[in-house]
N, C-alpha and C. Protein backbone atom coordinates (compact mmCIF):
# COMPACT_ATOMS: atom_id res chain seq x y z
N MET A 1 0.95 -1.27 0.20
CA MET A 1 -0.04 0.04 0.03
C MET A 1 0.97 1.15 -0.04
N SER A 2 0.83 2.32 -1.01
CA SER A 2 1.46 3.41 -0.86
C SER A 2 0.70 4.34 0.04
N SER A 3 1.54 5.60 -0.05
CA SER A 3 1.00 6.78 1.20
C SER A 3 -0.23 7.37 0.31
N THR A 4 -0.62 6.91 -1.03
CA THR A 4 -1.68 7.45 -1.51
C THR A 4 -2.83 6.85 -1.87
N ASP A 5 -2.58 5.43 -1.41
CA ASP A 5 -3.60 4.60 -1.27
C ASP A 5 -4.57 5.13 -0.28
N PRO A 6 -6.33 4.92 -0.54
CA PRO A 6 -7.52 5.32 0.77
C PRO A 6 -7.21 4.23 1.74
N ILE A 7 -6.97 4.41 3.05
CA ILE A 7 -7.36 3.70 4.10
C ILE A 7 -8.56 3.10 4.17
N GLN A 8 -8.77 1.31 4.13
CA GLN A 8 -10.00 0.46 4.31
C GLN A 8 -10.79 0.32 5.56
N LEU A 9 -11.51 0.39 5.67
CA LEU A 9 -11.98 0.23 7.06
C LEU A 9 -13.13 -0.65 6.93
N PRO A 10 -13.40 -1.43 8.04
CA PRO A 10 -14.33 -2.56 8.08
C PRO A 10 -15.64 -2.03 7.85
N LEU A 11 -16.56 -2.72 7.44
CA LEU A 11 -17.85 -2.42 7.30
C LEU A 11 -18.44 -2.94 8.60
N LEU A 12 -19.20 -1.61 9.19
CA LEU A 12 -19.82 -1.75 10.61
C LEU A 12 -21.26 -2.55 10.72
N ILE A 13 -21.32 -3.66 10.65
CA ILE A 13 -22.56 -4.34 10.34
C ILE A 13 -22.59 -5.10 11.67
N GLU A 14 -23.66 -5.13 12.47
CA GLU A 14 -23.78 -6.13 13.62
C GLU A 14 -24.15 -7.70 12.90
N PRO A 15 -23.64 -8.83 13.84
CA PRO A 15 -23.92 -9.95 13.13
C PRO A 15 -25.41 -10.24 12.92
N ASN A 16 -25.87 -9.92 14.19
CA ASN A 16 -27.18 -10.39 14.03
C ASN A 16 -28.40 -9.41 12.75
N GLN A 17 -28.03 -8.61 12.44
CA GLN A 17 -28.54 -7.83 11.24
C GLN A 17 -28.08 -8.30 9.68
N LYS A 18 -27.36 -8.86 9.72
CA LYS A 18 -26.68 -9.32 8.23
C LYS A 18 -27.82 -9.72 7.15
N ARG A 19 -28.50 -10.21 7.72
CA ARG A 19 -29.53 -10.85 6.66
C ARG A 19 -30.85 -9.38 6.57
N GLN A 20 -30.67 -8.67 7.09
CA GLN A 20 -31.65 -7.51 7.34
C GLN A 20 -31.32 -6.62 6.47
N ILE A 21 -30.04 -6.21 5.77
CA ILE A 21 -29.47 -5.22 5.35
C ILE A 21 -30.25 -4.81 4.26
N ARG A 22 -30.46 -3.47 4.07
CA ARG A 22 -31.09 -3.08 3.16
C ARG A 22 -29.96 -1.86 2.35
N SER A 23 -30.46 -2.15 0.88
CA SER A 23 -29.31 -1.32 -0.05
C SER A 23 -29.87 0.19 -0.40
N GLN A 24 -29.10 0.92 -0.59
CA GLN A 24 -29.45 2.63 -0.92
C GLN A 24 -28.47 2.74 -1.50
N PHE A 25 -28.60 3.94 -2.79
CA PHE A 25 -27.71 4.90 -3.30
C PHE A 25 -27.65 6.27 -2.99
N GLY A 26 -26.16 6.74 -2.76
CA GLY A 26 -26.16 7.79 -2.41
C GLY A 26 -25.00 8.62 -3.43
N ALA A 27 -25.23 10.15 -3.39
CA ALA A 27 -24.04 11.10 -4.38
C ALA A 27 -23.33 11.88 -3.39
N LEU A 28 -22.13 11.64 -3.82
CA LEU A 28 -21.18 12.36 -2.82
C LEU A 28 -20.76 13.61 -4.18
N CYS A 29 -21.52 14.52 -3.83
CA CYS A 29 -21.64 15.76 -4.64
C CYS A 29 -20.31 16.68 -4.34
N TYR A 30 -19.89 17.31 -5.26
CA TYR A 30 -18.80 18.06 -5.14
C TYR A 30 -18.31 19.19 -6.06
N ARG A 31 -17.78 20.33 -5.70
CA ARG A 31 -17.30 21.14 -6.83
C ARG A 31 -15.90 21.77 -6.72
N TYR A 32 -15.29 22.30 -7.43
CA TYR A 32 -14.36 22.99 -7.13
C TYR A 32 -14.39 24.42 -6.85
N LYS A 33 -13.49 25.38 -5.85
CA LYS A 33 -13.72 26.65 -6.02
C LYS A 33 -12.57 27.25 -5.33
N ASN A 34 -12.16 28.31 -6.17
CA ASN A 34 -10.61 28.57 -6.06
C ASN A 34 -9.69 27.55 -5.53
N ASP A 35 -9.71 26.47 -6.69
CA ASP A 35 -9.03 25.56 -6.82
C ASP A 35 -8.99 24.42 -5.53
N GLN A 36 -9.93 24.57 -4.82
CA GLN A 36 -10.04 23.57 -3.54
C GLN A 36 -11.26 22.60 -3.79
N ILE A 37 -11.36 21.58 -3.43
CA ILE A 37 -12.68 20.96 -3.76
C ILE A 37 -13.19 21.12 -2.20
N GLU A 38 -15.00 21.01 -2.69
CA GLU A 38 -15.91 21.46 -1.40
C GLU A 38 -16.77 20.12 -1.88
N PHE A 39 -17.10 19.71 -0.96
CA PHE A 39 -18.64 18.72 -0.70
C PHE A 39 -19.69 19.15 -0.12
N LEU A 40 -20.75 18.88 -0.94
CA LEU A 40 -21.87 19.45 -0.53
C LEU A 40 -22.92 18.15 0.38
N LEU A 41 -23.27 19.29 1.87
CA LEU A 41 -23.98 17.85 2.27
C LEU A 41 -25.07 18.55 2.95
N ILE A 42 -26.07 17.58 3.21
CA ILE A 42 -27.61 18.28 3.78
C ILE A 42 -27.91 17.47 4.91
N THR A 43 -29.14 18.16 5.44
CA THR A 43 -29.24 17.36 6.90
C THR A 43 -30.42 16.58 6.51
N SER A 44 -30.32 15.82 7.37
CA SER A 44 -31.65 14.57 7.46
C SER A 44 -32.95 15.00 7.93
N ARG A 45 -33.98 14.61 7.48
CA ARG A 45 -35.26 15.19 7.73
C ARG A 45 -35.59 15.05 9.29
N ARG A 46 -35.45 14.26 9.68
CA ARG A 46 -35.57 13.91 11.42
C ARG A 46 -34.67 14.52 12.23
N THR A 47 -33.27 13.58 11.81
CA THR A 47 -32.40 14.36 13.38
C THR A 47 -31.63 15.21 12.71
N LYS A 48 -31.76 15.69 11.77
CA LYS A 48 -31.31 17.21 11.14
C LYS A 48 -29.50 17.05 11.60
N ARG A 49 -29.08 16.06 11.34
CA ARG A 49 -27.59 15.36 11.43
C ARG A 49 -27.09 15.69 9.93
N TRP A 50 -26.03 15.85 9.42
CA TRP A 50 -25.21 16.25 7.96
C TRP A 50 -24.86 14.72 7.61
N ILE A 51 -25.44 14.70 6.08
CA ILE A 51 -25.39 13.23 5.29
C ILE A 51 -25.43 13.82 3.82
N ILE A 52 -25.13 12.74 2.97
CA ILE A 52 -25.17 12.96 1.51
C ILE A 52 -26.64 12.57 1.12
N PRO A 53 -27.14 13.08 -0.04
CA PRO A 53 -28.05 12.67 -0.38
C PRO A 53 -27.92 11.02 -0.91
N LYS A 54 -29.21 10.37 -0.24
CA LYS A 54 -28.91 9.22 -0.60
C LYS A 54 -30.75 8.40 -0.49
N GLY A 55 -30.98 7.66 -1.18
CA GLY A 55 -32.48 6.92 -1.19
C GLY A 55 -31.94 5.49 -1.64
N TRP A 56 -33.51 4.76 -1.51
CA TRP A 56 -33.88 3.57 -2.15
C TRP A 56 -33.57 3.35 -3.77
N PRO A 57 -32.93 2.25 -4.01
CA PRO A 57 -33.05 1.63 -5.33
C PRO A 57 -34.57 2.29 -6.19
N GLU A 58 -34.32 3.00 -7.48
CA GLU A 58 -35.46 3.52 -8.31
C GLU A 58 -35.62 2.27 -9.15
N ASN A 59 -36.75 2.10 -9.83
CA ASN A 59 -37.07 1.42 -10.94
C ASN A 59 -36.60 1.91 -12.08
N HIS A 60 -36.28 1.21 -13.44
CA HIS A 60 -35.68 1.92 -14.44
C HIS A 60 -34.59 2.82 -14.31
N MET A 61 -34.08 2.73 -13.52
CA MET A 61 -32.79 3.82 -12.99
C MET A 61 -31.64 2.99 -12.80
N THR A 62 -30.39 3.24 -13.78
CA THR A 62 -28.94 2.74 -13.04
C THR A 62 -28.68 3.22 -11.50
N PRO A 63 -27.99 2.48 -10.57
CA PRO A 63 -27.71 3.03 -9.49
C PRO A 63 -27.21 4.19 -9.56
N GLY A 64 -26.19 4.63 -10.65
CA GLY A 64 -25.78 5.56 -10.41
C GLY A 64 -26.85 7.14 -11.01
N ASP A 65 -27.62 6.59 -11.42
CA ASP A 65 -28.98 7.64 -11.94
C ASP A 65 -29.69 7.55 -10.81
N SER A 66 -29.92 6.77 -10.14
CA SER A 66 -30.88 6.65 -8.99
C SER A 66 -30.14 7.68 -7.74
N ALA A 67 -28.64 7.54 -7.39
CA ALA A 67 -28.18 8.63 -6.85
C ALA A 67 -28.18 10.05 -7.25
N ALA A 68 -28.06 10.09 -8.86
CA ALA A 68 -28.12 11.33 -9.41
C ALA A 68 -29.46 12.18 -8.86
N ASN A 69 -30.12 11.43 -8.84
CA ASN A 69 -31.64 11.79 -8.68
C ASN A 69 -32.09 11.85 -7.33
N GLU A 70 -31.70 11.26 -6.09
CA GLU A 70 -31.51 12.06 -4.94
C GLU A 70 -30.60 12.94 -4.77
N ALA A 71 -29.78 13.23 -5.35
CA ALA A 71 -29.12 14.62 -5.36
C ALA A 71 -29.92 15.93 -5.82
N PHE A 72 -30.50 15.71 -6.94
CA PHE A 72 -31.63 16.86 -7.25
C PHE A 72 -32.61 16.84 -6.48
N GLU A 73 -33.44 15.39 -5.61
CA GLU A 73 -34.68 15.72 -5.21
C GLU A 73 -34.43 16.09 -3.61
N GLU A 74 -33.06 15.89 -2.87
CA GLU A 74 -33.05 16.41 -1.55
C GLU A 74 -31.94 17.43 -1.55
N ALA A 75 -31.03 17.81 -2.51
CA ALA A 75 -30.30 18.68 -2.07
C ALA A 75 -30.20 19.78 -3.55
N GLY A 76 -31.16 19.64 -4.57
CA GLY A 76 -31.42 20.62 -5.76
C GLY A 76 -30.20 21.06 -6.30
N VAL A 77 -29.44 19.91 -7.02
CA VAL A 77 -28.22 19.66 -7.90
C VAL A 77 -28.44 18.79 -8.72
N ARG A 78 -27.76 19.46 -10.11
CA ARG A 78 -27.39 18.57 -11.06
C ARG A 78 -26.11 18.24 -11.37
N GLY A 79 -26.13 17.62 -12.15
CA GLY A 79 -24.15 17.21 -12.65
C GLY A 79 -23.97 16.14 -13.33
N LYS A 80 -22.71 16.10 -13.23
CA LYS A 80 -22.21 14.86 -14.29
C LYS A 80 -21.49 13.81 -12.81
N SER A 81 -22.59 12.79 -13.22
CA SER A 81 -22.22 11.39 -12.44
C SER A 81 -21.62 10.64 -12.92
N ASP A 82 -21.11 9.67 -11.93
CA ASP A 82 -19.79 8.53 -12.57
C ASP A 82 -20.96 7.31 -12.24
N ASP A 83 -20.74 6.69 -13.10
CA ASP A 83 -21.51 5.29 -13.40
C ASP A 83 -20.62 3.93 -12.31
N ARG A 84 -19.26 4.57 -12.15
CA ARG A 84 -18.48 3.29 -10.99
C ARG A 84 -18.63 4.02 -9.48
N PRO A 85 -19.04 3.03 -8.91
CA PRO A 85 -19.11 3.09 -7.18
C PRO A 85 -17.90 3.81 -7.16
N ILE A 86 -17.88 4.67 -5.63
CA ILE A 86 -16.65 5.11 -5.75
C ILE A 86 -16.33 4.33 -3.97
N GLY A 87 -17.39 4.13 -3.34
CA GLY A 87 -17.38 3.24 -2.00
C GLY A 87 -18.52 2.93 -1.51
N VAL A 88 -18.44 2.12 -0.33
CA VAL A 88 -19.73 2.16 0.45
C VAL A 88 -19.92 2.51 1.60
N TYR A 89 -20.57 2.64 2.43
CA TYR A 89 -20.67 2.85 3.96
C TYR A 89 -22.11 2.09 4.58
N CYS A 90 -22.03 2.20 5.63
CA CYS A 90 -23.35 1.56 6.47
C CYS A 90 -23.32 2.35 7.32
N TYR A 91 -25.15 2.47 7.69
CA TYR A 91 -25.54 3.22 8.94
C TYR A 91 -26.90 2.42 9.44
N GLU A 92 -27.09 3.17 10.56
CA GLU A 92 -28.75 2.63 10.97
C GLU A 92 -29.83 3.53 10.55
N LYS A 93 -30.80 3.31 9.52
CA LYS A 93 -31.86 3.68 9.53
C LYS A 93 -32.99 4.01 10.76
N LYS A 94 -33.07 4.85 11.45
CA LYS A 94 -34.17 4.89 12.31
C LYS A 94 -35.72 5.16 11.86
N MET A 95 -36.65 4.25 11.84
CA MET A 95 -37.89 4.64 11.14
C MET A 95 -38.62 4.94 12.42
N LYS A 96 -39.89 5.36 11.91
CA LYS A 96 -40.84 5.82 12.89
C LYS A 96 -41.25 4.70 13.96
N PHE A 97 -41.49 4.81 15.02
CA PHE A 97 -42.47 3.93 15.65
C PHE A 97 -40.99 2.58 16.43
N GLY A 98 -39.73 3.12 16.46
CA GLY A 98 -38.59 2.63 16.77
C GLY A 98 -38.32 1.45 16.13
N LYS A 99 -38.66 1.29 14.88
CA LYS A 99 -38.06 0.15 14.05
C LYS A 99 -36.84 0.75 13.50
N SER A 100 -35.66 0.15 13.09
CA SER A 100 -34.67 0.67 12.54
C SER A 100 -33.90 -0.70 11.78
N TYR A 101 -33.45 -0.26 10.84
CA TYR A 101 -32.60 -1.17 9.49
C TYR A 101 -31.35 -0.64 9.67
N GLN A 102 -30.56 -2.01 9.12
CA GLN A 102 -29.21 -1.74 8.74
C GLN A 102 -29.17 -1.15 7.12
N CYS A 103 -28.41 -0.30 6.77
CA CYS A 103 -28.31 0.23 5.31
C CYS A 103 -27.21 0.29 4.79
N MET A 104 -26.78 -0.21 3.69
CA MET A 104 -25.51 -0.14 3.29
C MET A 104 -25.58 0.69 1.86
N VAL A 105 -24.96 1.85 1.82
CA VAL A 105 -24.99 2.69 0.98
C VAL A 105 -23.70 2.56 -0.35
N THR A 106 -24.38 2.49 -1.52
CA THR A 106 -23.43 2.54 -2.39
C THR A 106 -23.13 4.00 -3.02
N VAL A 107 -22.00 4.36 -3.14
CA VAL A 107 -21.47 5.66 -3.26
C VAL A 107 -21.12 6.26 -4.59
N PHE A 108 -21.68 7.02 -5.01
CA PHE A 108 -21.12 7.53 -6.49
C PHE A 108 -21.01 8.80 -6.33
N SER A 109 -19.99 9.29 -7.13
CA SER A 109 -19.43 10.76 -7.37
C SER A 109 -20.46 11.46 -8.13
N LEU A 110 -20.71 12.73 -7.62
CA LEU A 110 -21.44 13.80 -8.61
C LEU A 110 -20.89 15.24 -8.45
N LYS A 111 -20.54 15.62 -9.68
CA LYS A 111 -19.56 16.85 -9.88
C LYS A 111 -20.62 17.94 -10.04
N VAL A 112 -20.60 18.77 -9.28
CA VAL A 112 -22.17 19.67 -9.44
C VAL A 112 -21.89 20.65 -10.44
N GLN A 113 -22.68 20.77 -11.30
CA GLN A 113 -22.70 21.78 -12.43
C GLN A 113 -23.96 22.84 -12.30
N LYS A 114 -25.09 22.63 -11.71
CA LYS A 114 -25.79 23.19 -11.65
C LYS A 114 -26.66 23.50 -10.28
N ILE A 115 -26.80 24.44 -9.29
CA ILE A 115 -27.42 24.37 -8.25
C ILE A 115 -28.62 25.30 -8.53
N LEU A 116 -29.88 24.35 -7.81
CA LEU A 116 -31.07 25.12 -8.30
C LEU A 116 -31.46 25.40 -6.97
N SER A 117 -32.64 26.81 -7.09
CA SER A 117 -33.25 27.38 -6.14
C SER A 117 -34.42 26.70 -5.21
N ASP A 118 -35.01 25.99 -6.31
CA ASP A 118 -35.99 25.50 -6.09
C ASP A 118 -36.09 23.85 -6.33
N TYR A 119 -36.29 22.97 -5.47
CA TYR A 119 -36.15 21.48 -5.30
C TYR A 119 -37.39 21.02 -4.48
N PRO A 120 -37.52 19.83 -4.93
CA PRO A 120 -38.35 18.55 -4.34
C PRO A 120 -38.63 18.97 -2.35
N GLU A 121 -37.38 18.74 -1.96
CA GLU A 121 -37.19 18.93 -0.65
C GLU A 121 -36.73 19.88 0.06
N LYS A 122 -36.58 21.15 -0.65
CA LYS A 122 -35.85 22.37 -0.01
C LYS A 122 -36.64 22.67 1.16
N LEU A 123 -37.84 22.80 1.56
CA LEU A 123 -38.23 22.90 2.78
C LEU A 123 -37.95 22.00 3.86
N GLU A 124 -37.54 20.84 3.58
CA GLU A 124 -37.21 19.71 4.42
C GLU A 124 -35.87 19.47 5.13
N ARG A 125 -34.91 20.10 4.15
CA ARG A 125 -33.63 20.26 4.53
C ARG A 125 -32.78 21.44 4.43
N LYS A 126 -31.55 21.40 5.22
CA LYS A 126 -30.65 22.54 4.90
C LYS A 126 -29.67 22.00 3.96
N ARG A 127 -28.78 22.73 3.25
CA ARG A 127 -27.87 22.12 2.24
C ARG A 127 -26.61 23.34 2.17
N GLU A 128 -24.99 22.69 2.49
CA GLU A 128 -24.28 23.67 2.67
C GLU A 128 -22.86 23.05 2.42
N TRP A 129 -22.01 23.74 1.44
CA TRP A 129 -20.90 23.31 1.41
C TRP A 129 -19.92 23.45 2.19
N PHE A 130 -18.64 22.32 2.42
CA PHE A 130 -17.75 22.09 3.16
C PHE A 130 -16.82 21.85 2.65
N GLY A 131 -15.39 22.52 2.88
CA GLY A 131 -14.29 21.77 2.86
C GLY A 131 -13.95 20.10 3.45
N ARG A 132 -13.28 19.47 2.51
CA ARG A 132 -12.89 18.06 2.93
C ARG A 132 -12.80 17.74 4.43
N ILE A 133 -12.00 18.57 5.17
CA ILE A 133 -11.57 18.27 6.59
C ILE A 133 -13.12 18.51 7.41
N SER A 134 -13.53 19.62 6.97
CA SER A 134 -14.89 19.92 7.66
C SER A 134 -15.87 18.99 7.47
N ALA A 135 -16.10 18.78 6.29
CA ALA A 135 -17.11 17.75 5.73
C ALA A 135 -16.73 16.42 6.23
N ALA A 136 -15.72 15.86 6.51
CA ALA A 136 -15.26 14.47 7.00
C ALA A 136 -15.90 14.72 8.59
N LYS A 137 -15.33 15.69 9.30
CA LYS A 137 -15.68 15.75 10.51
C LYS A 137 -17.30 15.78 11.23
N CYS A 138 -18.16 16.34 9.78
CA CYS A 138 -19.51 16.57 9.86
C CYS A 138 -20.40 15.30 10.04
N VAL A 139 -19.87 14.30 8.95
CA VAL A 139 -20.35 13.13 9.04
C VAL A 139 -20.23 12.35 10.22
N VAL A 140 -21.47 11.34 10.51
CA VAL A 140 -21.16 10.61 11.94
C VAL A 140 -20.36 9.17 11.21
N GLU A 141 -20.75 8.87 10.14
CA GLU A 141 -20.46 7.35 9.76
C GLU A 141 -18.98 7.46 9.16
N PRO A 142 -18.02 6.66 9.88
CA PRO A 142 -16.51 6.58 9.92
C PRO A 142 -16.25 6.15 8.31
N GLU A 143 -16.95 5.23 7.66
CA GLU A 143 -16.77 4.98 5.99
C GLU A 143 -16.86 6.11 5.73
N LEU A 144 -18.09 7.00 5.60
CA LEU A 144 -18.26 7.93 5.00
C LEU A 144 -17.20 8.91 4.79
N ALA A 145 -16.74 9.11 6.15
CA ALA A 145 -15.91 10.34 6.43
C ALA A 145 -14.57 9.90 5.73
N GLN A 146 -14.00 8.53 5.65
CA GLN A 146 -13.05 8.22 4.87
C GLN A 146 -13.29 8.31 3.44
N LEU A 147 -14.45 8.05 3.09
CA LEU A 147 -14.45 8.36 1.30
C LEU A 147 -14.39 9.70 1.35
N ILE A 148 -14.72 10.65 1.81
CA ILE A 148 -14.59 12.25 1.70
C ILE A 148 -13.34 12.52 1.73
N LYS A 149 -12.59 11.85 2.93
CA LYS A 149 -11.26 12.40 3.21
C LYS A 149 -10.40 11.80 1.50
N SER A 150 -10.67 10.56 1.38
CA SER A 150 -9.65 10.50 0.03
C SER A 150 -10.29 10.47 -1.38
N PHE A 151 -11.31 11.20 -1.29
CA PHE A 151 -12.07 11.33 -3.10
C PHE A 151 -11.31 12.49 -3.49
N ASN A 152 -10.65 12.25 -4.89
CA ASN A 152 -9.97 13.15 -5.47
C ASN A 152 -10.43 13.55 -6.83
N GLY A 153 -11.89 13.83 -6.60
CA GLY A 153 -12.62 14.31 -7.82
C GLY A 153 -12.29 13.41 -9.32
N ASN A 154 -12.95 13.52 -10.08
CA ASN A 154 -12.68 12.80 -11.38
C ASN A 154 -11.91 13.36 -12.50
């Protein structure tokens, strides 16, 4: 392993939840500003923690297109997405009435080309641009933080 290789962290899946894991697709939205990479994070609807746009697989869409669609719906951005995933991370999705699911998110990069002022979940979430270190510190999931730290753009 060279010093430029990303650090690989084990996925955090509880043994009793391996058969109950759910699949989602997420978009790591980024741009360059003053020659520095920035990442777009949004707040979750209920807990208001910082996350990336993500959601359930969509019928008749590729995984990358599903991730790009989530970026539009949840963050109001459009851009160029890569069809190859850049990594995965796991988190626990807490549902109403106390139920929760382990989710594995396959992440696709999305280079933001357009920021919209009006989008479907505008009133439900905040969105904000962060530098690499700040973005990695804002997210709770260690695998997602590592993806942010090691991502170098397309």
